[in-house]
Amino acid sequence: MDLSLAAQGFAAMGSEARMEVLRVLVRAGEAGLTVGEVRDRTGIAASTLAHHLKFLTGAEVVVQEKAGRSTICRANFTHLQTLAAYILSECCQDEGLCLTGKATNDG
């Protein structure tokens, strides 16, 4: 993952409202939720929610799919795991011992 893609993903999660939406979708799992269900669970107004979902989908941390007249929103677990791996890839490099107990830098 390159720095600009990682920055875009983390920026998308950079507001309380978007974090709340993302956490609701993570909690929902692979089945996802309709936009209405996300609105009901977060209490975010429809127009504001649309803005936040656009930002999250643009950064690929959320995916949307049409299902009849509804739009299903899902957390993009693969991308979220890639973001987590990216930020943790330098874990404790200067200390030579990662928090998980694995040796780093031949240390």
Foldseek 3Di string as FASTA:
>chain_A
DDPVLLVLQVVLCVDPLLVLLLVVQVVVPPQADWLVVSCVVRVDDSVVSVVSVVSNVVSPQKDWDDDPPTIGIHGPVVVVVVSVCVVCVCACQVVQAHPVGDGHPVD
